[in-house]
Amino acid sequence: MFWRKRPATKEPLKSKVEKLQGPKGIPELVGRHLIVELKQNPDWVWKLKGVVRKKPEEGKDAFDFRLFDEAQVAAKKVTVKDYNSLDEHPNLIFYEGWFDKKSMRVQIEEKERA
């Protein structure tokens, strides 16, 4: 009979998994901090690529980031799709940290590379 409700066969909705962005140019706030505060060469800084992810415990304007050199990654034949792609290759990360767009705060840690 068509008016009787059939039992649901679909799985319940899974929790949302955050989709991370791919590599892009480094965030302006981070680049400016590297040049002004850490006295890095501007030509080198703006050639770096970065991957970011939201920092949920800090609010919607806070992000974690990792900076790397695209040429070095290509030479090692590593594919960087998102922030988590560099977990397996920490030696390719030049800088890591977080920034907040609203408060304009930046925290950067230089990574040691082998």
PDB file of N, CA and C in Angstrom:
ATOM      1  N   MET A   1       0.830  -1.170   0.000  1.00  0.00           N
ATOM      2  CA  MET A   1       0.000   0.000   0.000  1.00  0.00           C
ATOM      3  C   MET A   1       0.888   1.251   0.000  1.00  0.00           C
ATOM      4  N   PHE A   2       0.613   2.172  -0.858  1.00  0.00           N
ATOM      5  CA  PHE A   2       1.492   3.320  -1.057  1.00  0.00           C
ATOM      6  C   PHE A   2       1.453   4.320   0.087  1.00  0.00           C
ATOM      7  N   TRP A   3       0.453   4.310   0.922  1.00  0.00           N
ATOM      8  CA  TRP A   3       0.365   5.303   1.989  1.00  0.00           C
ATOM      9  C   TRP A   3       1.134   4.908   3.238  1.00  0.00           C
ATOM     10  N   ARG A   4       1.605   3.673   3.301  1.00  0.00           N
ATOM     11  CA  ARG A   4       2.415   3.253   4.445  1.00  0.00           C
ATOM     12  C   ARG A   4       3.855   3.722   4.259  1.00  0.00           C
ATOM     13  N   LYS A   5       4.404   4.164   5.321  1.00  0.00           N
ATOM     14  CA  LYS A   5       5.765   4.683   5.292  1.00  0.00           C
ATOM     15  C   LYS A   5       6.752   3.523   5.249  1.00  0.00           C
ATOM     16  N   ARG A   6       7.700   3.619   4.364  1.00  0.00           N
ATOM     17  CA  ARG A   6       8.737   2.586   4.278  1.00  0.00           C
ATOM     18  C   ARG A   6       9.860   2.936   5.235  1.00  0.00           C
ATOM     19  N   PRO A   7      10.544   1.924   5.775  1.00  0.00           N
ATOM     20  CA  PRO A   7      11.678   2.215   6.662  1.00  0.00           C
ATOM     21  C   PRO A   7      12.803   2.895   5.864  1.00  0.00           C
ATOM     22  N   ALA A   8      13.471   3.799   6.529  1.00  0.00           N
ATOM     23  CA  ALA A   8      14.562   4.542   5.890  1.00  0.00           C
ATOM     24  C   ALA A   8      15.719   3.616   5.589  1.00  0.00           C
ATOM     25  N   THR A   9      16.218   3.695   4.364  1.00  0.00           N
ATOM     26  CA  THR A   9      17.356   2.856   3.971  1.00  0.00           C
ATOM     27  C   THR A   9      18.636   3.660   3.865  1.00  0.00           C
ATOM     28  N   LYS A  10      18.495   4.973   3.932  1.00  0.00           N
ATOM     29  CA  LYS A  10      19.680   5.829   3.830  1.00  0.00           C
ATOM     30  C   LYS A  10      20.407   5.878   5.155  1.00  0.00           C
ATOM     31  N   GLU A  11      21.710   6.081   5.051  1.00  0.00           N
ATOM     32  CA  GLU A  11      22.528   6.237   6.252  1.00  0.00           C
ATOM     33  C   GLU A  11      22.283   7.613   6.852  1.00  0.00           C
ATOM     34  N   PRO A  12      22.417   7.736   8.167  1.00  0.00           N
ATOM     35  CA  PRO A  12      22.281   9.065   8.752  1.00  0.00           C
ATOM     36  C   PRO A  12      23.386   9.985   8.233  1.00  0.00           C
ATOM     37  N   LEU A  13      23.117  11.275   8.225  1.00  0.00           N
ATOM     38  CA  LEU A  13      24.100  12.235   7.729  1.00  0.00           C
ATOM     39  C   LEU A  13      25.372  12.179   8.548  1.00  0.00           C
ATOM     40  N   LYS A  14      26.479  12.150   7.846  1.00  0.00           N
ATOM     41  CA  LYS A  14      27.770  12.130   8.524  1.00  0.00           C
ATOM     42  C   LYS A  14      28.132  13.545   8.923  1.00  0.00           C
ATOM     43  N   SER A  15      28.968  13.676   9.946  1.00  0.00           N
ATOM     44  CA  SER A  15      29.383  15.011  10.371  1.00  0.00           C
ATOM     45  C   SER A  15      30.174  15.676   9.243  1.00  0.00           C
ATOM     46  N   LYS A  16      30.048  16.973   9.144  1.00  0.00           N
ATOM     47  CA  LYS A  16      30.726  17.698   8.073  1.00  0.00           C
ATOM     48  C   LYS A  16      32.230  17.633   8.259  1.00  0.00           C
ATOM     49  N   VAL A  17      32.910  17.312   7.179  1.00  0.00           N
ATOM     50  CA  VAL A  17      34.365  17.309   7.173  1.00  0.00           C
ATOM     51  C   VAL A  17      34.802  18.587   6.481  1.00  0.00           C
ATOM     52  N   GLU A  18      35.683  19.326   7.124  1.00  0.00           N
ATOM     53  CA  GLU A  18      36.134  20.593   6.565  1.00  0.00           C
ATOM     54  C   GLU A  18      36.955  20.350   5.306  1.00  0.00           C
ATOM     55  N   LYS A  19      36.585  21.014   4.243  1.00  0.00           N
ATOM     56  CA  LYS A  19      37.339  20.917   2.995  1.00  0.00           C
ATOM     57  C   LYS A  19      38.439  21.970   3.038  1.00  0.00           C
ATOM     58  N   LEU A  20      39.658  21.519   2.933  1.00  0.00           N
ATOM     59  CA  LEU A  20      40.800  22.421   3.026  1.00  0.00           C
ATOM     60  C   LEU A  20      41.172  22.972   1.661  1.00  0.00           C
ATOM     61  N   GLN A  21      41.689  24.193   1.655  1.00  0.00           N
ATOM     62  CA  GLN A  21      42.093  24.858   0.422  1.00  0.00           C
ATOM     63  C   GLN A  21      43.426  24.312  -0.068  1.00  0.00           C
ATOM     64  N   GLY A  22      43.632  24.411  -1.361  1.00  0.00           N
ATOM     65  CA  GLY A  22      44.899  24.017  -1.957  1.00  0.00           C
ATOM     66  C   GLY A  22      45.940  25.117  -1.792  1.00  0.00           C
ATOM     67  N   PRO A  23      47.149  24.879  -2.275  1.00  0.00           N
ATOM     68  CA  PRO A  23      48.223  25.871  -2.149  1.00  0.00           C
ATOM     69  C   PRO A  23      47.910  27.149  -2.919  1.00  0.00           C
ATOM     70  N   LYS A  24      48.243  28.257  -2.309  1.00  0.00           N
ATOM     71  CA  LYS A  24      48.057  29.574  -2.917  1.00  0.00           C
ATOM     72  C   LYS A  24      49.241  30.437  -2.524  1.00  0.00           C
ATOM     73  N   GLY A  25      49.220  31.671  -2.991  1.00  0.00           N
ATOM     74  CA  GLY A  25      50.220  32.641  -2.538  1.00  0.00           C
ATOM     75  C   GLY A  25      50.043  32.850  -1.041  1.00  0.00           C
ATOM     76  N   ILE A  26      51.099  33.273  -0.374  1.00  0.00           N
ATOM     77  CA  ILE A  26      51.004  33.408   1.082  1.00  0.00           C
ATOM     78  C   ILE A  26      50.076  34.560   1.452  1.00  0.00           C
ATOM     79  N   PRO A  27      49.405  34.463   2.591  1.00  0.00           N
ATOM     80  CA  PRO A  27      48.528  35.551   3.029  1.00  0.00           C
ATOM     81  C   PRO A  27      49.314  36.847   3.213  1.00  0.00           C
ATOM     82  N   GLU A  28      48.708  37.963   2.841  1.00  0.00           N
ATOM     83  CA  GLU A  28      49.402  39.255   2.884  1.00  0.00           C
ATOM     84  C   GLU A  28      49.892  39.599   4.282  1.00  0.00           C
ATOM     85  N   LEU A  29      49.087  39.323   5.278  1.00  0.00           N
ATOM     86  CA  LEU A  29      49.453  39.617   6.663  1.00  0.00           C
ATOM     87  C   LEU A  29      50.722  38.867   7.071  1.00  0.00           C
ATOM     88  N   VAL A  30      50.822  37.615   6.653  1.00  0.00           N
ATOM     89  CA  VAL A  30      51.993  36.786   6.973  1.00  0.00           C
ATOM     90  C   VAL A  30      53.211  37.274   6.204  1.00  0.00           C
ATOM     91  N   GLY A  31      53.045  37.572   4.923  1.00  0.00           N
ATOM     92  CA  GLY A  31      54.155  38.070   4.116  1.00  0.00           C
ATOM     93  C   GLY A  31      54.719  39.370   4.650  1.00  0.00           C
ATOM     94  N   ARG A  32      53.823  40.262   5.028  1.00  0.00           N
ATOM     95  CA  ARG A  32      54.262  41.541   5.591  1.00  0.00           C
ATOM     96  C   ARG A  32      55.047  41.337   6.881  1.00  0.00           C
ATOM     97  N   HIS A  33      54.592  40.396   7.720  1.00  0.00           N
ATOM     98  CA  HIS A  33      55.284  40.112   8.982  1.00  0.00           C
ATOM     99  C   HIS A  33      56.686  39.556   8.709  1.00  0.00           C
ATOM    100  N   LEU A  34      56.805  38.663   7.738  1.00  0.00           N
ATOM    101  CA  LEU A  34      58.111  38.097   7.403  1.00  0.00           C
ATOM    102  C   LEU A  34      59.085  39.171   6.936  1.00  0.00           C
ATOM    103  N   ILE A  35      58.591  40.100   6.141  1.00  0.00           N
ATOM    104  CA  ILE A  35      59.457  41.138   5.584  1.00  0.00           C
ATOM    105  C   ILE A  35      59.811  42.201   6.624  1.00  0.00           C
ATOM    106  N   VAL A  36      58.822  42.703   7.334  1.00  0.00           N
ATOM    107  CA  VAL A  36      59.043  43.818   8.257  1.00  0.00           C
ATOM    108  C   VAL A  36      59.672  43.357   9.573  1.00  0.00           C
ATOM    109  N   GLU A  37      59.105  42.344  10.186  1.00  0.00           N
ATOM    110  CA  GLU A  37      59.566  41.910  11.509  1.00  0.00           C
ATOM    111  C   GLU A  37      60.775  40.973  11.455  1.00  0.00           C
ATOM    112  N   LEU A  38      60.764  40.035  10.516  1.00  0.00           N
ATOM    113  CA  LEU A  38      61.837  39.039  10.451  1.00  0.00           C
ATOM    114  C   LEU A  38      62.908  39.386   9.427  1.00  0.00           C
ATOM    115  N   LYS A  39      62.760  40.528   8.751  1.00  0.00           N
ATOM    116  CA  LYS A  39      63.766  41.057   7.818  1.00  0.00           C
ATOM    117  C   LYS A  39      64.148  40.075   6.708  1.00  0.00           C
ATOM    118  N   GLN A  40      63.157  39.386   6.152  1.00  0.00           N
ATOM    119  CA  GLN A  40      63.404  38.452   5.054  1.00  0.00           C
ATOM    120  C   GLN A  40      63.356  39.207   3.723  1.00  0.00           C
ATOM    121  N   ASN A  41      64.006  38.652   2.711  1.00  0.00           N
ATOM    122  CA  ASN A  41      64.057  39.242   1.382  1.00  0.00           C
ATOM    123  C   ASN A  41      62.650  39.218   0.766  1.00  0.00           C
ATOM    124  N   PRO A  42      62.104  40.380   0.400  1.00  0.00           N
ATOM    125  CA  PRO A  42      60.740  40.424  -0.152  1.00  0.00           C
ATOM    126  C   PRO A  42      60.563  39.607  -1.426  1.00  0.00           C
ATOM    127  N   ASP A  43      61.589  39.603  -2.296  1.00  0.00           N
ATOM    128  CA  ASP A  43      61.482  38.825  -3.530  1.00  0.00           C
ATOM    129  C   ASP A  43      61.327  37.341  -3.227  1.00  0.00           C
ATOM    130  N   TRP A  44      62.052  36.846  -2.255  1.00  0.00           N
ATOM    131  CA  TRP A  44      61.968  35.435  -1.860  1.00  0.00           C
ATOM    132  C   TRP A  44      60.648  35.143  -1.156  1.00  0.00           C
ATOM    133  N   VAL A  45      60.236  36.019  -0.268  1.00  0.00           N
ATOM    134  CA  VAL A  45      59.008  35.799   0.512  1.00  0.00           C
ATOM    135  C   VAL A  45      57.801  35.661  -0.393  1.00  0.00           C
ATOM    136  N   TRP A  46      57.637  36.542  -1.366  1.00  0.00           N
ATOM    137  CA  TRP A  46      56.440  36.516  -2.196  1.00  0.00           C
ATOM    138  C   TRP A  46      56.447  35.390  -3.216  1.00  0.00           C
ATOM    139  N   LYS A  47      57.572  34.666  -3.353  1.00  0.00           N
ATOM    140  CA  LYS A  47      57.608  33.485  -4.214  1.00  0.00           C
ATOM    141  C   LYS A  47      57.134  32.233  -3.479  1.00  0.00           C
ATOM    142  N   LEU A  48      57.084  32.301  -2.162  1.00  0.00           N
ATOM    143  CA  LEU A  48      56.636  31.146  -1.380  1.00  0.00           C
ATOM    144  C   LEU A  48      55.156  30.872  -1.608  1.00  0.00           C
ATOM    145  N   LYS A  49      54.760  29.636  -1.403  1.00  0.00           N
ATOM    146  CA  LYS A  49      53.352  29.234  -1.458  1.00  0.00           C
ATOM    147  C   LYS A  49      52.915  28.868  -0.045  1.00  0.00           C
ATOM    148  N   GLY A  50      51.628  28.909   0.181  1.00  0.00           N
ATOM    149  CA  GLY A  50      51.113  28.596   1.504  1.00  0.00           C
ATOM    150  C   GLY A  50      49.840  27.786   1.449  1.00  0.00           C
ATOM    151  N   VAL A  51      49.614  27.020   2.501  1.00  0.00           N
ATOM    152  CA  VAL A  51      48.355  26.302   2.697  1.00  0.00           C
ATOM    153  C   VAL A  51      47.814  26.714   4.056  1.00  0.00           C
ATOM    154  N   VAL A  52      46.510  26.884   4.130  1.00  0.00           N
ATOM    155  CA  VAL A  52      45.886  27.340   5.368  1.00  0.00           C
ATOM    156  C   VAL A  52      44.718  26.432   5.740  1.00  0.00           C
ATOM    157  N   ARG A  53      44.359  26.491   7.014  1.00  0.00           N
ATOM    158  CA  ARG A  53      43.149  25.843   7.499  1.00  0.00           C
ATOM    159  C   ARG A  53      42.599  26.708   8.627  1.00  0.00           C
ATOM    160  N   LYS A  54      41.302  26.639   8.828  1.00  0.00           N
ATOM    161  CA  LYS A  54      40.690  27.423   9.894  1.00  0.00           C
ATOM    162  C   LYS A  54      41.137  26.902  11.240  1.00  0.00           C
ATOM    163  N   LYS A  55      41.228  27.813  12.177  1.00  0.00           N
ATOM    164  CA  LYS A  55      41.612  27.481  13.541  1.00  0.00           C
ATOM    165  C   LYS A  55      40.341  27.611  14.389  1.00  0.00           C
ATOM    166  N   PRO A  56      39.582  26.527  14.536  1.00  0.00           N
ATOM    167  CA  PRO A  56      38.247  26.620  15.124  1.00  0.00           C
ATOM    168  C   PRO A  56      38.201  27.125  16.563  1.00  0.00           C
ATOM    169  N   GLU A  57      39.207  26.842  17.341  1.00  0.00           N
ATOM    170  CA  GLU A  57      39.174  27.257  18.745  1.00  0.00           C
ATOM    171  C   GLU A  57      39.383  28.755  18.912  1.00  0.00           C
ATOM    172  N   GLU A  58      39.853  29.428  17.865  1.00  0.00           N
ATOM    173  CA  GLU A  58      40.144  30.861  17.952  1.00  0.00           C
ATOM    174  C   GLU A  58      39.076  31.739  17.307  1.00  0.00           C
ATOM    175  N   GLY A  59      38.163  31.170  16.563  1.00  0.00           N
ATOM    176  CA  GLY A  59      37.136  31.967  15.895  1.00  0.00           C
ATOM    177  C   GLY A  59      37.224  31.856  14.389  1.00  0.00           C
ATOM    178  N   LYS A  60      36.302  32.548  13.715  1.00  0.00           N
ATOM    179  CA  LYS A  60      36.218  32.402  12.264  1.00  0.00           C
ATOM    180  C   LYS A  60      37.288  33.168  11.492  1.00  0.00           C
ATOM    181  N   ASP A  61      37.990  34.080  12.130  1.00  0.00           N
ATOM    182  CA  ASP A  61      39.013  34.870  11.446  1.00  0.00           C
ATOM    183  C   ASP A  61      40.429  34.386  11.704  1.00  0.00           C
ATOM    184  N   ALA A  62      40.587  33.271  12.395  1.00  0.00           N
ATOM    185  CA  ALA A  62      41.916  32.748  12.732  1.00  0.00           C
ATOM    186  C   ALA A  62      42.235  31.534  11.857  1.00  0.00           C
ATOM    187  N   PHE A  63      43.478  31.473  11.393  1.00  0.00           N
ATOM    188  CA  PHE A  63      43.896  30.409  10.492  1.00  0.00           C
ATOM    189  C   PHE A  63      45.289  29.910  10.858  1.00  0.00           C
ATOM    190  N   ASP A  64      45.508  28.604  10.710  1.00  0.00           N
ATOM    191  CA  ASP A  64      46.842  28.013  10.772  1.00  0.00           C
ATOM    192  C   ASP A  64      47.402  28.067   9.357  1.00  0.00           C
ATOM    193  N   PHE A  65      48.728  28.180   9.230  1.00  0.00           N
ATOM    194  CA  PHE A  65      49.324  28.192   7.897  1.00  0.00           C
ATOM    195  C   PHE A  65      50.656  27.462   7.899  1.00  0.00           C
ATOM    196  N   ARG A  66      51.052  27.046   6.713  1.00  0.00           N
ATOM    197  CA  ARG A  66      52.375  26.464   6.463  1.00  0.00           C
ATOM    198  C   ARG A  66      52.867  27.061   5.150  1.00  0.00           C
ATOM    199  N   LEU A  67      54.143  27.466   5.133  1.00  0.00           N
ATOM    200  CA  LEU A  67      54.737  28.059   3.937  1.00  0.00           C
ATOM    201  C   LEU A  67      55.817  27.136   3.400  1.00  0.00           C
ATOM    202  N   PHE A  68      55.873  27.030   2.075  1.00  0.00           N
ATOM    203  CA  PHE A  68      56.854  26.155   1.439  1.00  0.00           C
ATOM    204  C   PHE A  68      57.263  26.736   0.097  1.00  0.00           C
ATOM    205  N   ASP A  69      58.356  26.206  -0.453  1.00  0.00           N
ATOM    206  CA  ASP A  69      58.854  26.626  -1.759  1.00  0.00           C
ATOM    207  C   ASP A  69      58.346  25.625  -2.795  1.00  0.00           C
ATOM    208  N   GLU A  70      57.584  26.111  -3.745  1.00  0.00           N
ATOM    209  CA  GLU A  70      56.968  25.245  -4.748  1.00  0.00           C
ATOM    210  C   GLU A  70      58.001  24.494  -5.585  1.00  0.00           C
ATOM    211  N   ALA A  71      59.126  25.133  -5.900  1.00  0.00           N
ATOM    212  CA  ALA A  71      60.173  24.483  -6.696  1.00  0.00           C
ATOM    213  C   ALA A  71      60.797  23.324  -5.927  1.00  0.00           C
ATOM    214  N   GLN A  72      61.024  23.521  -4.641  1.00  0.00           N
ATOM    215  CA  GLN A  72      61.611  22.464  -3.822  1.00  0.00           C
ATOM    216  C   GLN A  72      60.654  21.272  -3.702  1.00  0.00           C
ATOM    217  N   VAL A  73      59.380  21.544  -3.568  1.00  0.00           N
ATOM    218  CA  VAL A  73      58.370  20.489  -3.487  1.00  0.00           C
ATOM    219  C   VAL A  73      58.323  19.706  -4.792  1.00  0.00           C
ATOM    220  N   ALA A  74      58.388  20.408  -5.913  1.00  0.00           N
ATOM    221  CA  ALA A  74      58.371  19.745  -7.215  1.00  0.00           C
ATOM    222  C   ALA A  74      59.622  18.892  -7.415  1.00  0.00           C
ATOM    223  N   ALA A  75      60.769  19.375  -6.946  1.00  0.00           N
ATOM    224  CA  ALA A  75      62.020  18.618  -7.073  1.00  0.00           C
ATOM    225  C   ALA A  75      61.960  17.315  -6.280  1.00  0.00           C
ATOM    226  N   LYS A  76      61.264  17.323  -5.155  1.00  0.00           N
ATOM    227  CA  LYS A  76      61.121  16.117  -4.322  1.00  0.00           C
ATOM    228  C   LYS A  76      59.973  15.232  -4.806  1.00  0.00           C
ATOM    229  N   LYS A  77      59.261  15.686  -5.847  1.00  0.00           N
ATOM    230  CA  LYS A  77      58.121  14.964  -6.424  1.00  0.00           C
ATOM    231  C   LYS A  77      57.031  14.694  -5.397  1.00  0.00           C
ATOM    232  N   VAL A  78      56.721  15.729  -4.631  1.00  0.00           N
ATOM    233  CA  VAL A  78      55.670  15.668  -3.627  1.00  0.00           C
ATOM    234  C   VAL A  78      54.495  16.503  -4.124  1.00  0.00           C
ATOM    235  N   THR A  79      53.290  15.991  -3.944  1.00  0.00           N
ATOM    236  CA  THR A  79      52.092  16.733  -4.323  1.00  0.00           C
ATOM    237  C   THR A  79      51.477  17.341  -3.070  1.00  0.00           C
ATOM    238  N   VAL A  80      51.328  18.650  -3.069  1.00  0.00           N
ATOM    239  CA  VAL A  80      50.709  19.340  -1.943  1.00  0.00           C
ATOM    240  C   VAL A  80      49.294  19.716  -2.353  1.00  0.00           C
ATOM    241  N   LYS A  81      48.317  19.035  -1.753  1.00  0.00           N
ATOM    242  CA  LYS A  81      46.914  19.302  -2.073  1.00  0.00           C
ATOM    243  C   LYS A  81      46.270  20.245  -1.066  1.00  0.00           C
ATOM    244  N   ASP A  82      46.701  20.130   0.195  1.00  0.00           N
ATOM    245  CA  ASP A  82      46.117  20.959   1.248  1.00  0.00           C
ATOM    246  C   ASP A  82      47.060  20.993   2.447  1.00  0.00           C
ATOM    247  N   TYR A  83      46.591  21.578   3.537  1.00  0.00           N
ATOM    248  CA  TYR A  83      47.393  21.741   4.756  1.00  0.00           C
ATOM    249  C   TYR A  83      47.939  20.405   5.261  1.00  0.00           C
ATOM    250  N   ASN A  84      47.114  19.379   5.254  1.00  0.00           N
ATOM    251  CA  ASN A  84      47.513  18.079   5.799  1.00  0.00           C
ATOM    252  C   ASN A  84      48.504  17.326   4.921  1.00  0.00           C
ATOM    253  N   SER A  85      48.646  17.711   3.664  1.00  0.00           N
ATOM    254  CA  SER A  85      49.589  17.033   2.763  1.00  0.00           C
ATOM    255  C   SER A  85      51.028  17.152   3.249  1.00  0.00           C
ATOM    256  N   LEU A  86      51.330  18.216   3.975  1.00  0.00           N
ATOM    257  CA  LEU A  86      52.701  18.425   4.440  1.00  0.00           C
ATOM    258  C   LEU A  86      52.999  17.719   5.757  1.00  0.00           C
ATOM    259  N   ASP A  87      52.019  17.035   6.347  1.00  0.00           N
ATOM    260  CA  ASP A  87      52.256  16.283   7.582  1.00  0.00           C
ATOM    261  C   ASP A  87      53.347  15.237   7.388  1.00  0.00           C
ATOM    262  N   GLU A  88      53.364  14.615   6.219  1.00  0.00           N
ATOM    263  CA  GLU A  88      54.327  13.549   5.931  1.00  0.00           C
ATOM    264  C   GLU A  88      55.683  14.080   5.472  1.00  0.00           C
ATOM    265  N   HIS A  89      55.761  15.377   5.199  1.00  0.00           N
ATOM    266  CA  HIS A  89      56.995  15.973   4.685  1.00  0.00           C
ATOM    267  C   HIS A  89      57.335  17.249   5.449  1.00  0.00           C
ATOM    268  N   PRO A  90      57.611  17.161   6.742  1.00  0.00           N
ATOM    269  CA  PRO A  90      57.881  18.373   7.526  1.00  0.00           C
ATOM    270  C   PRO A  90      59.156  19.100   7.104  1.00  0.00           C
ATOM    271  N   ASN A  91      60.075  18.412   6.431  1.00  0.00           N
ATOM    272  CA  ASN A  91      61.319  19.051   6.007  1.00  0.00           C
ATOM    273  C   ASN A  91      61.114  20.034   4.850  1.00  0.00           C
ATOM    274  N   LEU A  92      59.931  20.030   4.228  1.00  0.00           N
ATOM    275  CA  LEU A  92      59.639  20.956   3.140  1.00  0.00           C
ATOM    276  C   LEU A  92      59.007  22.253   3.626  1.00  0.00           C
ATOM    277  N   ILE A  93      58.666  22.330   4.903  1.00  0.00           N
ATOM    278  CA  ILE A  93      58.009  23.512   5.464  1.00  0.00           C
ATOM    279  C   ILE A  93      59.062  24.521   5.914  1.00  0.00           C
ATOM    280  N   PHE A  94      58.986  25.752   5.393  1.00  0.00           N
ATOM    281  CA  PHE A  94      59.893  26.816   5.818  1.00  0.00           C
ATOM    282  C   PHE A  94      59.379  27.484   7.089  1.00  0.00           C
ATOM    283  N   TYR A  95      58.106  27.843   7.095  1.00  0.00           N
ATOM    284  CA  TYR A  95      57.503  28.519   8.247  1.00  0.00           C
ATOM    285  C   TYR A  95      56.140  27.905   8.526  1.00  0.00           C
ATOM    286  N   GLU A  96      55.780  27.922   9.803  1.00  0.00           N
ATOM    287  CA  GLU A  96      54.483  27.412  10.235  1.00  0.00           C
ATOM    288  C   GLU A  96      53.984  28.331  11.344  1.00  0.00           C
ATOM    289  N   GLY A  97      52.689  28.476  11.468  1.00  0.00           N
ATOM    290  CA  GLY A  97      52.147  29.320  12.520  1.00  0.00           C
ATOM    291  C   GLY A  97      50.674  29.580  12.338  1.00  0.00           C
ATOM    292  N   TRP A  98      50.232  30.721  12.859  1.00  0.00           N
ATOM    293  CA  TRP A  98      48.827  31.102  12.732  1.00  0.00           C
ATOM    294  C   TRP A  98      48.716  32.613  12.609  1.00  0.00           C
ATOM    295  N   PHE A  99      47.583  33.055  12.086  1.00  0.00           N
ATOM    296  CA  PHE A  99      47.303  34.487  11.995  1.00  0.00           C
ATOM    297  C   PHE A  99      45.810  34.710  12.184  1.00  0.00           C
ATOM    298  N   ASP A 100      45.486  35.923  12.620  1.00  0.00           N
ATOM    299  CA  ASP A 100      44.096  36.316  12.841  1.00  0.00           C
ATOM    300  C   ASP A 100      43.836  37.586  12.040  1.00  0.00           C
ATOM    301  N   LYS A 101      42.940  37.517  11.087  1.00  0.00           N
ATOM    302  CA  LYS A 101      42.647  38.665  10.222  1.00  0.00           C
ATOM    303  C   LYS A 101      42.040  39.829  10.988  1.00  0.00           C
ATOM    304  N   LYS A 102      41.209  39.525  11.973  1.00  0.00           N
ATOM    305  CA  LYS A 102      40.501  40.579  12.692  1.00  0.00           C
ATOM    306  C   LYS A 102      41.431  41.365  13.619  1.00  0.00           C
ATOM    307  N   SER A 103      42.214  40.654  14.417  1.00  0.00           N
ATOM    308  CA  SER A 103      43.111  41.326  15.366  1.00  0.00           C
ATOM    309  C   SER A 103      44.468  41.672  14.747  1.00  0.00           C
ATOM    310  N   MET A 104      44.719  41.198  13.508  1.00  0.00           N
ATOM    311  CA  MET A 104      45.970  41.454  12.789  1.00  0.00           C
ATOM    312  C   MET A 104      47.187  40.870  13.509  1.00  0.00           C
ATOM    313  N   ARG A 105      46.985  39.796  14.258  1.00  0.00           N
ATOM    314  CA  ARG A 105      48.100  39.142  14.963  1.00  0.00           C
ATOM    315  C   ARG A 105      48.653  38.004  14.117  1.00  0.00           C
ATOM    316  N   VAL A 106      49.973  37.835  14.181  1.00  0.00           N
ATOM    317  CA  VAL A 106      50.661  36.776  13.449  1.00  0.00           C
ATOM    318  C   VAL A 106      51.653  36.112  14.393  1.00  0.00           C
ATOM    319  N   GLN A 107      51.667  34.799  14.398  1.00  0.00           N
ATOM    320  CA  GLN A 107      52.638  34.017  15.175  1.00  0.00           C
ATOM    321  C   GLN A 107      53.326  33.079  14.190  1.00  0.00           C
ATOM    322  N   ILE A 108      54.635  33.253  14.017  1.00  0.00           N
ATOM    323  CA  ILE A 108      55.389  32.466  13.035  1.00  0.00           C
ATOM    324  C   ILE A 108      56.518  31.727  13.728  1.00  0.00           C
ATOM    325  N   GLU A 109      56.696  30.486  13.303  1.00  0.00           N
ATOM    326  CA  GLU A 109      57.805  29.667  13.805  1.00  0.00           C
ATOM    327  C   GLU A 109      58.596  29.169  12.587  1.00  0.00           C
ATOM    328  N   GLU A 110      59.895  29.441  12.580  1.00  0.00           N
ATOM    329  CA  GLU A 110      60.736  28.959  11.491  1.00  0.00           C
ATOM    330  C   GLU A 110      61.037  27.493  11.737  1.00  0.00           C
ATOM    331  N   LYS A 111      60.877  26.667  10.711  1.00  0.00           N
ATOM    332  CA  LYS A 111      61.091  25.234  10.840  1.00  0.00           C
ATOM    333  C   LYS A 111      62.517  24.884  10.402  1.00  0.00           C
ATOM    334  N   GLU A 112      63.097  23.918  11.082  1.00  0.00           N
ATOM    335  CA  GLU A 112      64.426  23.433  10.696  1.00  0.00           C
ATOM    336  C   GLU A 112      64.251  22.411   9.601  1.00  0.00           C
ATOM    337  N   ARG A 113      65.093  22.520   8.591  1.00  0.00           N
ATOM    338  CA  ARG A 113      65.030  21.586   7.458  1.00  0.00           C
ATOM    339  C   ARG A 113      66.326  20.801   7.406  1.00  0.00           C
ATOM    340  N   ALA A 114      66.192  19.524   7.069  1.00  0.00           N
ATOM    341  CA  ALA A 114      67.381  18.670   6.981  1.00  0.00           C
ATOM    342  C   ALA A 114      68.110  18.887   5.673  1.00  0.00           C
TER     343      ALA A 114
END
